[in-house]
Amino acid sequence: MFDRLYFPILSALALAMIALALVWPQGLGDRSPGPFGHTPVQQTAAMQAAMKREADAANRRTTQAKAAVSEAQARAIAPTQ
């Protein structure tokens, strides 16, 4: 391919990619500016509630596991019979 044709096409492609990067959201947590995009899934009320329920359940499971380990250690150190 001729350089006179190749380099202008390559520079136009590079500029188009930079322009797209300026308006495309970074990950799922950010919204695109202007008329582009939509509200990210993580920012909807239903997803926020689901994430909170999941975090609360994980915290409960962690607390229960710690209590079970503590109880098992207490029984191993001082058996009652």
Protein backbone atom coordinates (compact mmCIF):
# COMPACT_ATOMS: atom_id res chain seq x y z
CA MET A 1 0.00 0.00 0.00
CA PHE A 2 1.28 3.47 -0.79
CA ASP A 3 2.51 5.60 2.11
CA ARG A 4 0.44 8.55 0.85
CA LEU A 5 -2.70 6.51 1.43
CA TYR A 6 -1.63 4.36 4.39
CA PHE A 7 -0.48 7.06 6.84
CA PRO A 8 -3.53 9.35 6.50
CA ILE A 9 -5.84 6.36 7.02
CA LEU A 10 -3.78 5.23 10.00
CA SER A 11 -3.83 8.72 11.58
CA ALA A 12 -7.61 9.04 11.00
CA LEU A 13 -8.12 5.66 12.66
CA ALA A 14 -5.96 6.71 15.62
CA LEU A 15 -7.92 9.96 16.03
CA ALA A 16 -11.22 8.05 15.84
CA MET A 17 -10.05 5.66 18.55
CA ILE A 18 -9.00 8.55 20.79
CA ALA A 19 -12.36 10.28 20.24
CA LEU A 20 -14.19 7.06 21.12
CA ALA A 21 -12.09 6.64 24.26
CA LEU A 22 -13.12 10.12 25.40
CA VAL A 23 -16.84 9.29 25.36
CA TRP A 24 -16.84 5.58 26.20
CA PRO A 25 -17.45 4.74 29.89
CA GLN A 26 -14.55 3.36 31.84
CA GLY A 27 -15.82 0.01 33.10
CA LEU A 28 -19.36 -0.64 34.24
CA GLY A 29 -19.38 1.89 37.07
CA ASP A 30 -19.21 5.09 35.02
CA ARG A 31 -21.81 6.67 32.78
CA SER A 32 -20.91 8.04 29.36
CA PRO A 33 -21.18 11.81 29.05
CA GLY A 34 -23.76 13.59 26.92
CA PRO A 35 -26.38 11.72 24.96
CA PHE A 36 -24.38 8.48 24.99
CA GLY A 37 -24.91 5.44 27.14
CA HIS A 38 -27.36 4.48 29.84
CA THR A 39 -27.38 4.09 33.60
CA PRO A 40 -24.94 1.32 34.56
CA VAL A 41 -26.47 -1.83 36.02
CA GLN A 42 -24.61 -1.39 39.32
CA GLN A 43 -26.24 2.01 39.86
CA THR A 44 -29.86 0.81 39.61
CA ALA A 45 -31.86 0.58 42.82
CA ALA A 46 -32.61 -3.13 42.37
CA MET A 47 -28.93 -4.01 41.89
CA GLN A 48 -27.88 -1.84 44.85
CA ALA A 49 -30.40 -3.70 47.05
CA ALA A 50 -29.19 -7.07 45.76
CA MET A 51 -25.56 -6.16 46.40
CA LYS A 52 -26.44 -5.01 49.94
CA ARG A 53 -28.31 -8.28 50.64
CA GLU A 54 -25.32 -10.26 49.38
CA ALA A 55 -22.88 -8.27 51.52
CA ASP A 56 -25.07 -8.68 54.61
CA ALA A 57 -25.36 -12.43 54.03
CA ALA A 58 -21.58 -12.71 53.60
CA ASN A 59 -21.04 -10.81 56.85
CA ARG A 60 -23.48 -13.11 58.67
CA ARG A 61 -21.71 -16.20 57.32
CA THR A 62 -18.34 -14.81 58.39
CA THR A 63 -19.62 -14.06 61.88
CA GLN A 64 -21.13 -17.55 62.20
CA ALA A 65 -17.90 -19.17 61.02
CA LYS A 66 -15.84 -17.16 63.51
CA ALA A 67 -18.23 -18.12 66.30
CA ALA A 68 -18.02 -21.80 65.33
CA VAL A 69 -14.21 -21.72 65.32
CA SER A 70 -14.14 -19.94 68.67
CA GLU A 71 -16.53 -22.50 70.16
CA ALA A 72 -14.51 -25.41 68.79
CA GLN A 73 -11.31 -23.95 70.21
CA ALA A 74 -12.95 -23.41 73.59
CA ARG A 75 -14.13 -27.04 73.66
CA ALA A 76 -10.68 -28.29 72.67
CA ILE A 77 -8.94 -26.30 75.38
CA ALA A 78 -11.36 -27.01 78.24
CA PRO A 79 -13.53 -30.05 77.58
CA THR A 80 -16.58 -30.25 79.83
CA GLN A 81 -17.67 -33.74 80.93
